[in-house]
Amino acid sequence: MKQFLHIGFKWENPTDSKKLKEILDKAIDWIKYAPDCWILWTSSDPDKWWARLKPLLKEKDYVFICKLDINVRQGLLPEYVWEWINKDRS
């Protein structure tokens, strides 16, 4: 089942951004909308994403992964993020 997930990090230590991108590229589609926040369109569940991302984390780093109901939303984001959210995924 394809779904939107939100992934947010709190990095205490520098991370390998190339390796992070390689992992995120396993999603069908993704967008970074804030320095440490991503929305993914994926067929994998949060457990699978946790397993993928956990090796990047060091002591005092945090990650939060959750299913995102994109239909219940409100806020202020750059136009390119709204375009990404609203694009046809059928």
PDB file of N, CA and C in Angstrom:
ATOM      1  N   MET A   1       0.832  -1.178   0.000  1.00  0.00           N
ATOM      2  CA  MET A   1       0.000   0.000   0.000  1.00  0.00           C
ATOM      3  C   MET A   1       0.884   1.252   0.000  1.00  0.00           C
ATOM      4  N   LYS A   2       0.658   2.118  -0.948  1.00  0.00           N
ATOM      5  CA  LYS A   2       1.415   3.363  -1.012  1.00  0.00           C
ATOM      6  C   LYS A   2       0.831   4.362  -0.022  1.00  0.00           C
ATOM      7  N   GLN A   3       1.731   5.110   0.606  1.00  0.00           N
ATOM      8  CA  GLN A   3       1.304   6.057   1.629  1.00  0.00           C
ATOM      9  C   GLN A   3       2.321   7.180   1.760  1.00  0.00           C
ATOM     10  N   PHE A   4       1.882   8.263   2.399  1.00  0.00           N
ATOM     11  CA  PHE A   4       2.788   9.340   2.765  1.00  0.00           C
ATOM     12  C   PHE A   4       3.327   9.063   4.160  1.00  0.00           C
ATOM     13  N   LEU A   5       4.613   9.289   4.334  1.00  0.00           N
ATOM     14  CA  LEU A   5       5.238   9.228   5.649  1.00  0.00           C
ATOM     15  C   LEU A   5       5.964  10.542   5.903  1.00  0.00           C
ATOM     16  N   HIS A   6       6.021  10.921   7.155  1.00  0.00           N
ATOM     17  CA  HIS A   6       6.833  12.056   7.560  1.00  0.00           C
ATOM     18  C   HIS A   6       8.051  11.515   8.292  1.00  0.00           C
ATOM     19  N   ILE A   7       9.214  12.069   7.977  1.00  0.00           N
ATOM     20  CA  ILE A   7      10.437  11.710   8.684  1.00  0.00           C
ATOM     21  C   ILE A   7      11.102  13.003   9.146  1.00  0.00           C
ATOM     22  N   GLY A   8      11.330  13.087  10.450  1.00  0.00           N
ATOM     23  CA  GLY A   8      12.004  14.242  11.022  1.00  0.00           C
ATOM     24  C   GLY A   8      13.207  13.795  11.837  1.00  0.00           C
ATOM     25  N   PHE A   9      14.282  14.526  11.688  1.00  0.00           N
ATOM     26  CA  PHE A   9      15.519  14.215  12.405  1.00  0.00           C
ATOM     27  C   PHE A   9      15.892  15.353  13.337  1.00  0.00           C
ATOM     28  N   LYS A  10      16.640  15.006  14.358  1.00  0.00           N
ATOM     29  CA  LYS A  10      17.363  15.960  15.183  1.00  0.00           C
ATOM     30  C   LYS A  10      18.777  15.417  15.234  1.00  0.00           C
ATOM     31  N   TRP A  11      19.654  16.063  14.497  1.00  0.00           N
ATOM     32  CA  TRP A  11      21.037  15.596  14.407  1.00  0.00           C
ATOM     33  C   TRP A  11      21.881  16.289  15.460  1.00  0.00           C
ATOM     34  N   GLU A  12      22.450  15.534  16.356  1.00  0.00           N
ATOM     35  CA  GLU A  12      23.434  16.052  17.302  1.00  0.00           C
ATOM     36  C   GLU A  12      24.817  15.998  16.669  1.00  0.00           C
ATOM     37  N   ASN A  13      24.982  15.040  15.757  1.00  0.00           N
ATOM     38  CA  ASN A  13      26.252  14.811  15.072  1.00  0.00           C
ATOM     39  C   ASN A  13      26.040  14.971  13.571  1.00  0.00           C
ATOM     40  N   PRO A  14      27.079  15.359  12.851  1.00  0.00           N
ATOM     41  CA  PRO A  14      26.937  15.444  11.383  1.00  0.00           C
ATOM     42  C   PRO A  14      26.602  14.076  10.809  1.00  0.00           C
ATOM     43  N   THR A  15      25.779  14.073   9.766  1.00  0.00           N
ATOM     44  CA  THR A  15      25.448  12.814   9.108  1.00  0.00           C
ATOM     45  C   THR A  15      25.984  12.822   7.685  1.00  0.00           C
ATOM     46  N   ASP A  16      26.090  11.673   7.108  1.00  0.00           N
ATOM     47  CA  ASP A  16      26.545  11.520   5.726  1.00  0.00           C
ATOM     48  C   ASP A  16      25.363  11.809   4.809  1.00  0.00           C
ATOM     49  N   SER A  17      25.294  13.033   4.288  1.00  0.00           N
ATOM     50  CA  SER A  17      24.141  13.433   3.482  1.00  0.00           C
ATOM     51  C   SER A  17      24.018  12.617   2.191  1.00  0.00           C
ATOM     52  N   LYS A  18      25.125  12.168   1.645  1.00  0.00           N
ATOM     53  CA  LYS A  18      25.075  11.326   0.445  1.00  0.00           C
ATOM     54  C   LYS A  18      24.402   9.992   0.761  1.00  0.00           C
ATOM     55  N   LYS A  19      24.772   9.411   1.892  1.00  0.00           N
ATOM     56  CA  LYS A  19      24.185   8.129   2.316  1.00  0.00           C
ATOM     57  C   LYS A  19      22.701   8.301   2.648  1.00  0.00           C
ATOM     58  N   LEU A  20      22.353   9.422   3.294  1.00  0.00           N
ATOM     59  CA  LEU A  20      20.952   9.705   3.595  1.00  0.00           C
ATOM     60  C   LEU A  20      20.143   9.804   2.306  1.00  0.00           C
ATOM     61  N   LYS A  21      20.659  10.508   1.311  1.00  0.00           N
ATOM     62  CA  LYS A  21      19.957  10.633   0.033  1.00  0.00           C
ATOM     63  C   LYS A  21      19.783   9.269  -0.628  1.00  0.00           C
ATOM     64  N   GLU A  22      20.789   8.433  -0.574  1.00  0.00           N
ATOM     65  CA  GLU A  22      20.688   7.086  -1.150  1.00  0.00           C
ATOM     66  C   GLU A  22      19.549   6.303  -0.489  1.00  0.00           C
ATOM     67  N   ILE A  23      19.399   6.456   0.807  1.00  0.00           N
ATOM     68  CA  ILE A  23      18.328   5.764   1.521  1.00  0.00           C
ATOM     69  C   ILE A  23      16.971   6.363   1.134  1.00  0.00           C
ATOM     70  N   LEU A  24      16.872   7.683   1.152  1.00  0.00           N
ATOM     71  CA  LEU A  24      15.599   8.331   0.798  1.00  0.00           C
ATOM     72  C   LEU A  24      15.179   8.022  -0.634  1.00  0.00           C
ATOM     73  N   ASP A  25      16.142   7.829  -1.509  1.00  0.00           N
ATOM     74  CA  ASP A  25      15.837   7.493  -2.902  1.00  0.00           C
ATOM     75  C   ASP A  25      15.165   6.131  -3.052  1.00  0.00           C
ATOM     76  N   LYS A  26      15.096   5.351  -1.979  1.00  0.00           N
ATOM     77  CA  LYS A  26      14.363   4.090  -2.023  1.00  0.00           C
ATOM     78  C   LYS A  26      12.854   4.324  -2.000  1.00  0.00           C
ATOM     79  N   ALA A  27      12.432   5.535  -1.642  1.00  0.00           N
ATOM     80  CA  ALA A  27      11.018   5.901  -1.709  1.00  0.00           C
ATOM     81  C   ALA A  27      10.623   6.104  -3.168  1.00  0.00           C
ATOM     82  N   ILE A  28       9.343   6.008  -3.445  1.00  0.00           N
ATOM     83  CA  ILE A  28       8.845   6.283  -4.793  1.00  0.00           C
ATOM     84  C   ILE A  28       9.112   7.742  -5.136  1.00  0.00           C
ATOM     85  N   ASP A  29       8.899   8.611  -4.155  1.00  0.00           N
ATOM     86  CA  ASP A  29       9.112  10.047  -4.315  1.00  0.00           C
ATOM     87  C   ASP A  29       9.303  10.644  -2.930  1.00  0.00           C
ATOM     88  N   TRP A  30      10.022  11.744  -2.830  1.00  0.00           N
ATOM     89  CA  TRP A  30      10.196  12.415  -1.550  1.00  0.00           C
ATOM     90  C   TRP A  30      10.505  13.879  -1.779  1.00  0.00           C
ATOM     91  N   ILE A  31      10.270  14.651  -0.712  1.00  0.00           N
ATOM     92  CA  ILE A  31      10.600  16.069  -0.747  1.00  0.00           C
ATOM     93  C   ILE A  31      11.105  16.481   0.623  1.00  0.00           C
ATOM     94  N   LYS A  32      12.117  17.327   0.614  1.00  0.00           N
ATOM     95  CA  LYS A  32      12.638  17.916   1.851  1.00  0.00           C
ATOM     96  C   LYS A  32      12.007  19.299   1.953  1.00  0.00           C
ATOM     97  N   TYR A  33      11.252  19.550   3.021  1.00  0.00           N
ATOM     98  CA  TYR A  33      10.549  20.825   3.124  1.00  0.00           C
ATOM     99  C   TYR A  33      11.087  21.724   4.232  1.00  0.00           C
ATOM    100  N   ALA A  34      11.985  21.204   5.031  1.00  0.00           N
ATOM    101  CA  ALA A  34      12.635  21.978   6.090  1.00  0.00           C
ATOM    102  C   ALA A  34      14.006  21.343   6.335  1.00  0.00           C
ATOM    103  N   PRO A  35      14.889  22.006   7.063  1.00  0.00           N
ATOM    104  CA  PRO A  35      16.256  21.485   7.189  1.00  0.00           C
ATOM    105  C   PRO A  35      16.366  20.010   7.568  1.00  0.00           C
ATOM    106  N   ASP A  36      15.507  19.514   8.436  1.00  0.00           N
ATOM    107  CA  ASP A  36      15.615  18.121   8.876  1.00  0.00           C
ATOM    108  C   ASP A  36      14.295  17.376   8.766  1.00  0.00           C
ATOM    109  N   CYS A  37      13.440  17.778   7.808  1.00  0.00           N
ATOM    110  CA  CYS A  37      12.105  17.183   7.660  1.00  0.00           C
ATOM    111  C   CYS A  37      11.830  16.805   6.211  1.00  0.00           C
ATOM    112  N   TRP A  38      11.321  15.584   6.039  1.00  0.00           N
ATOM    113  CA  TRP A  38      11.000  15.058   4.721  1.00  0.00           C
ATOM    114  C   TRP A  38       9.586  14.482   4.719  1.00  0.00           C
ATOM    115  N   ILE A  39       8.949  14.538   3.548  1.00  0.00           N
ATOM    116  CA  ILE A  39       7.714  13.801   3.292  1.00  0.00           C
ATOM    117  C   ILE A  39       8.052  12.797   2.206  1.00  0.00           C
ATOM    118  N   LEU A  40       7.669  11.549   2.434  1.00  0.00           N
ATOM    119  CA  LEU A  40       7.930  10.487   1.465  1.00  0.00           C
ATOM    120  C   LEU A  40       6.622   9.941   0.927  1.00  0.00           C
ATOM    121  N   TRP A  41       6.611   9.557  -0.345  1.00  0.00           N
ATOM    122  CA  TRP A  41       5.557   8.765  -0.957  1.00  0.00           C
ATOM    123  C   TRP A  41       6.193   7.401  -1.151  1.00  0.00           C
ATOM    124  N   THR A  42       5.671   6.387  -0.456  1.00  0.00           N
ATOM    125  CA  THR A  42       6.379   5.117  -0.369  1.00  0.00           C
ATOM    126  C   THR A  42       5.419   3.938  -0.254  1.00  0.00           C
ATOM    127  N   SER A  43       5.900   2.789  -0.596  1.00  0.00           N
ATOM    128  CA  SER A  43       5.146   1.551  -0.369  1.00  0.00           C
ATOM    129  C   SER A  43       5.685   0.812   0.862  1.00  0.00           C
ATOM    130  N   SER A  44       6.683   1.378   1.512  1.00  0.00           N
ATOM    131  CA  SER A  44       7.259   0.767   2.719  1.00  0.00           C
ATOM    132  C   SER A  44       6.658   1.397   3.969  1.00  0.00           C
ATOM    133  N   ASP A  45       6.580   0.605   5.040  1.00  0.00           N
ATOM    134  CA  ASP A  45       5.994   1.096   6.285  1.00  0.00           C
ATOM    135  C   ASP A  45       7.065   1.753   7.167  1.00  0.00           C
ATOM    136  N   PRO A  46       6.647   2.418   8.258  1.00  0.00           N
ATOM    137  CA  PRO A  46       7.624   3.066   9.139  1.00  0.00           C
ATOM    138  C   PRO A  46       8.685   2.113   9.698  1.00  0.00           C
ATOM    139  N   ASP A  47       8.331   0.857   9.958  1.00  0.00           N
ATOM    140  CA  ASP A  47       9.315  -0.105  10.455  1.00  0.00           C
ATOM    141  C   ASP A  47      10.443  -0.325   9.453  1.00  0.00           C
ATOM    142  N   LYS A  48      10.083  -0.426   8.194  1.00  0.00           N
ATOM    143  CA  LYS A  48      11.085  -0.617   7.137  1.00  0.00           C
ATOM    144  C   LYS A  48      11.998   0.612   7.053  1.00  0.00           C
ATOM    145  N   TRP A  49      11.394   1.812   7.126  1.00  0.00           N
ATOM    146  CA  TRP A  49      12.195   3.039   7.067  1.00  0.00           C
ATOM    147  C   TRP A  49      13.104   3.154   8.290  1.00  0.00           C
ATOM    148  N   TRP A  50      12.606   2.760   9.458  1.00  0.00           N
ATOM    149  CA  TRP A  50      13.435   2.760  10.665  1.00  0.00           C
ATOM    150  C   TRP A  50      14.655   1.869  10.464  1.00  0.00           C
ATOM    151  N   ALA A  51      14.452   0.683   9.923  1.00  0.00           N
ATOM    152  CA  ALA A  51      15.566  -0.239   9.690  1.00  0.00           C
ATOM    153  C   ALA A  51      16.586   0.356   8.713  1.00  0.00           C
ATOM    154  N   ARG A  52      16.098   1.085   7.731  1.00  0.00           N
ATOM    155  CA  ARG A  52      16.995   1.703   6.751  1.00  0.00           C
ATOM    156  C   ARG A  52      17.788   2.864   7.359  1.00  0.00           C
ATOM    157  N   LEU A  53      17.135   3.662   8.185  1.00  0.00           N
ATOM    158  CA  LEU A  53      17.737   4.890   8.697  1.00  0.00           C
ATOM    159  C   LEU A  53      18.553   4.701   9.972  1.00  0.00           C
ATOM    160  N   LYS A  54      18.220   3.698  10.751  1.00  0.00           N
ATOM    161  CA  LYS A  54      18.879   3.486  12.045  1.00  0.00           C
ATOM    162  C   LYS A  54      20.405   3.460  11.956  1.00  0.00           C
ATOM    163  N   PRO A  55      21.006   2.817  10.935  1.00  0.00           N
ATOM    164  CA  PRO A  55      22.473   2.797  10.865  1.00  0.00           C
ATOM    165  C   PRO A  55      23.119   4.182  10.730  1.00  0.00           C
ATOM    166  N   LEU A  56      22.367   5.177  10.295  1.00  0.00           N
ATOM    167  CA  LEU A  56      22.926   6.528  10.162  1.00  0.00           C
ATOM    168  C   LEU A  56      23.011   7.259  11.499  1.00  0.00           C
ATOM    169  N   LEU A  57      22.224   6.821  12.471  1.00  0.00           N
ATOM    170  CA  LEU A  57      22.119   7.547  13.730  1.00  0.00           C
ATOM    171  C   LEU A  57      23.304   7.268  14.640  1.00  0.00           C
ATOM    172  N   LYS A  58      23.741   8.335  15.272  1.00  0.00           N
ATOM    173  CA  LYS A  58      24.810   8.233  16.265  1.00  0.00           C
ATOM    174  C   LYS A  58      24.225   8.617  17.618  1.00  0.00           C
ATOM    175  N   GLU A  59      25.041   8.531  18.655  1.00  0.00           N
ATOM    176  CA  GLU A  59      24.577   8.875  19.997  1.00  0.00           C
ATOM    177  C   GLU A  59      23.987  10.290  20.015  1.00  0.00           C
ATOM    178  N   LYS A  60      22.825  10.407  20.610  1.00  0.00           N
ATOM    179  CA  LYS A  60      22.090  11.665  20.786  1.00  0.00           C
ATOM    180  C   LYS A  60      21.410  12.171  19.516  1.00  0.00           C
ATOM    181  N   ASP A  61      21.426  11.401  18.417  1.00  0.00           N
ATOM    182  CA  ASP A  61      20.629  11.720  17.224  1.00  0.00           C
ATOM    183  C   ASP A  61      19.236  11.141  17.431  1.00  0.00           C
ATOM    184  N   TYR A  62      18.238  11.784  16.845  1.00  0.00           N
ATOM    185  CA  TYR A  62      16.864  11.310  16.942  1.00  0.00           C
ATOM    186  C   TYR A  62      16.221  11.284  15.571  1.00  0.00           C
ATOM    187  N   VAL A  63      15.255  10.384  15.402  1.00  0.00           N
ATOM    188  CA  VAL A  63      14.439  10.359  14.190  1.00  0.00           C
ATOM    189  C   VAL A  63      13.017  10.003  14.599  1.00  0.00           C
ATOM    190  N   PHE A  64      12.054  10.625  13.927  1.00  0.00           N
ATOM    191  CA  PHE A  64      10.638  10.336  14.137  1.00  0.00           C
ATOM    192  C   PHE A  64      10.032  10.042  12.783  1.00  0.00           C
ATOM    193  N   ILE A  65       9.373   8.885  12.664  1.00  0.00           N
ATOM    194  CA  ILE A  65       8.766   8.440  11.411  1.00  0.00           C
ATOM    195  C   ILE A  65       7.299   8.147  11.694  1.00  0.00           C
ATOM    196  N   CYS A  66       6.403   8.713  10.894  1.00  0.00           N
ATOM    197  CA  CYS A  66       4.981   8.442  11.103  1.00  0.00           C
ATOM    198  C   CYS A  66       4.222   8.529   9.784  1.00  0.00           C
ATOM    199  N   LYS A  67       3.112   7.809   9.740  1.00  0.00           N
ATOM    200  CA  LYS A  67       2.201   7.907   8.611  1.00  0.00           C
ATOM    201  C   LYS A  67       1.612   9.309   8.610  1.00  0.00           C
ATOM    202  N   LEU A  68       1.423   9.861   7.428  1.00  0.00           N
ATOM    203  CA  LEU A  68       0.952  11.234   7.288  1.00  0.00           C
ATOM    204  C   LEU A  68      -0.346  11.244   6.493  1.00  0.00           C
ATOM    205  N   ASP A  69      -1.409  11.742   7.104  1.00  0.00           N
ATOM    206  CA  ASP A  69      -2.680  11.905   6.392  1.00  0.00           C
ATOM    207  C   ASP A  69      -2.640  13.257   5.695  1.00  0.00           C
ATOM    208  N   ILE A  70      -2.258  13.240   4.449  1.00  0.00           N
ATOM    209  CA  ILE A  70      -2.046  14.453   3.662  1.00  0.00           C
ATOM    210  C   ILE A  70      -3.358  15.182   3.360  1.00  0.00           C
ATOM    211  N   ASN A  71      -4.498  14.489   3.554  1.00  0.00           N
ATOM    212  CA  ASN A  71      -5.799  15.109   3.283  1.00  0.00           C
ATOM    213  C   ASN A  71      -6.265  16.007   4.417  1.00  0.00           C
ATOM    214  N   VAL A  72      -5.689  15.840   5.597  1.00  0.00           N
ATOM    215  CA  VAL A  72      -6.022  16.683   6.744  1.00  0.00           C
ATOM    216  C   VAL A  72      -4.792  17.546   6.985  1.00  0.00           C
ATOM    217  N   ARG A  73      -4.845  18.777   6.505  1.00  0.00           N
ATOM    218  CA  ARG A  73      -3.640  19.603   6.540  1.00  0.00           C
ATOM    219  C   ARG A  73      -3.982  21.085   6.563  1.00  0.00           C
ATOM    220  N   GLN A  74      -3.024  21.857   7.000  1.00  0.00           N
ATOM    221  CA  GLN A  74      -3.101  23.305   6.987  1.00  0.00           C
ATOM    222  C   GLN A  74      -1.713  23.831   7.269  1.00  0.00           C
ATOM    223  N   GLY A  75      -1.377  24.957   6.714  1.00  0.00           N
ATOM    224  CA  GLY A  75      -0.075  25.530   7.021  1.00  0.00           C
ATOM    225  C   GLY A  75       0.439  26.424   5.921  1.00  0.00           C
ATOM    226  N   LEU A  76       1.657  26.847   6.109  1.00  0.00           N
ATOM    227  CA  LEU A  76       2.335  27.736   5.176  1.00  0.00           C
ATOM    228  C   LEU A  76       3.631  27.060   4.754  1.00  0.00           C
ATOM    229  N   LEU A  77       3.709  26.726   3.490  1.00  0.00           N
ATOM    230  CA  LEU A  77       4.891  26.093   2.909  1.00  0.00           C
ATOM    231  C   LEU A  77       5.194  26.768   1.579  1.00  0.00           C
ATOM    232  N   PRO A  78       6.416  26.649   1.083  1.00  0.00           N
ATOM    233  CA  PRO A  78       6.715  27.176  -0.250  1.00  0.00           C
ATOM    234  C   PRO A  78       5.825  26.512  -1.302  1.00  0.00           C
ATOM    235  N   GLU A  79       5.528  27.235  -2.358  1.00  0.00           N
ATOM    236  CA  GLU A  79       4.634  26.748  -3.410  1.00  0.00           C
ATOM    237  C   GLU A  79       5.093  25.408  -3.988  1.00  0.00           C
ATOM    238  N   TYR A  80       6.412  25.206  -4.149  1.00  0.00           N
ATOM    239  CA  TYR A  80       6.900  23.950  -4.729  1.00  0.00           C
ATOM    240  C   TYR A  80       6.538  22.745  -3.857  1.00  0.00           C
ATOM    241  N   VAL A  81       6.421  22.936  -2.541  1.00  0.00           N
ATOM    242  CA  VAL A  81       6.043  21.833  -1.655  1.00  0.00           C
ATOM    243  C   VAL A  81       4.568  21.505  -1.855  1.00  0.00           C
ATOM    244  N   TRP A  82       3.708  22.532  -1.937  1.00  0.00           N
ATOM    245  CA  TRP A  82       2.281  22.281  -2.200  1.00  0.00           C
ATOM    246  C   TRP A  82       2.090  21.606  -3.550  1.00  0.00           C
ATOM    247  N   GLU A  83       2.849  22.011  -4.546  1.00  0.00           N
ATOM    248  CA  GLU A  83       2.758  21.358  -5.867  1.00  0.00           C
ATOM    249  C   GLU A  83       3.147  19.888  -5.757  1.00  0.00           C
ATOM    250  N   TRP A  84       4.197  19.583  -5.009  1.00  0.00           N
ATOM    251  CA  TRP A  84       4.620  18.196  -4.827  1.00  0.00           C
ATOM    252  C   TRP A  84       3.531  17.409  -4.105  1.00  0.00           C
ATOM    253  N   ILE A  85       2.967  17.975  -3.051  1.00  0.00           N
ATOM    254  CA  ILE A  85       1.904  17.295  -2.290  1.00  0.00           C
ATOM    255  C   ILE A  85       0.699  17.017  -3.180  1.00  0.00           C
ATOM    256  N   ASN A  86       0.333  17.962  -4.013  1.00  0.00           N
ATOM    257  CA  ASN A  86      -0.885  17.871  -4.802  1.00  0.00           C
ATOM    258  C   ASN A  86      -0.732  17.159  -6.144  1.00  0.00           C
ATOM    259  N   LYS A  87       0.470  16.740  -6.516  1.00  0.00           N
ATOM    260  CA  LYS A  87       0.625  16.128  -7.835  1.00  0.00           C
ATOM    261  C   LYS A  87      -0.082  14.785  -7.924  1.00  0.00           C
ATOM    262  N   ASP A  88      -0.471  14.440  -9.142  1.00  0.00           N
ATOM    263  CA  ASP A  88      -1.208  13.201  -9.405  1.00  0.00           C
ATOM    264  C   ASP A  88      -0.316  11.993  -9.161  1.00  0.00           C
ATOM    265  N   ARG A  89      -0.764  11.087  -8.330  1.00  0.00           N
ATOM    266  CA  ARG A  89       0.011   9.877  -8.024  1.00  0.00           C
ATOM    267  C   ARG A  89      -0.753   8.619  -8.419  1.00  0.00           C
ATOM    268  N   SER A  90      -1.717   8.769  -9.310  1.00  0.00           N
ATOM    269  CA  SER A  90      -2.507   7.581  -9.711  1.00  0.00           C
ATOM    270  C   SER A  90      -1.781   6.727 -10.730  1.00  0.00           C
TER     271      SER A  90
END
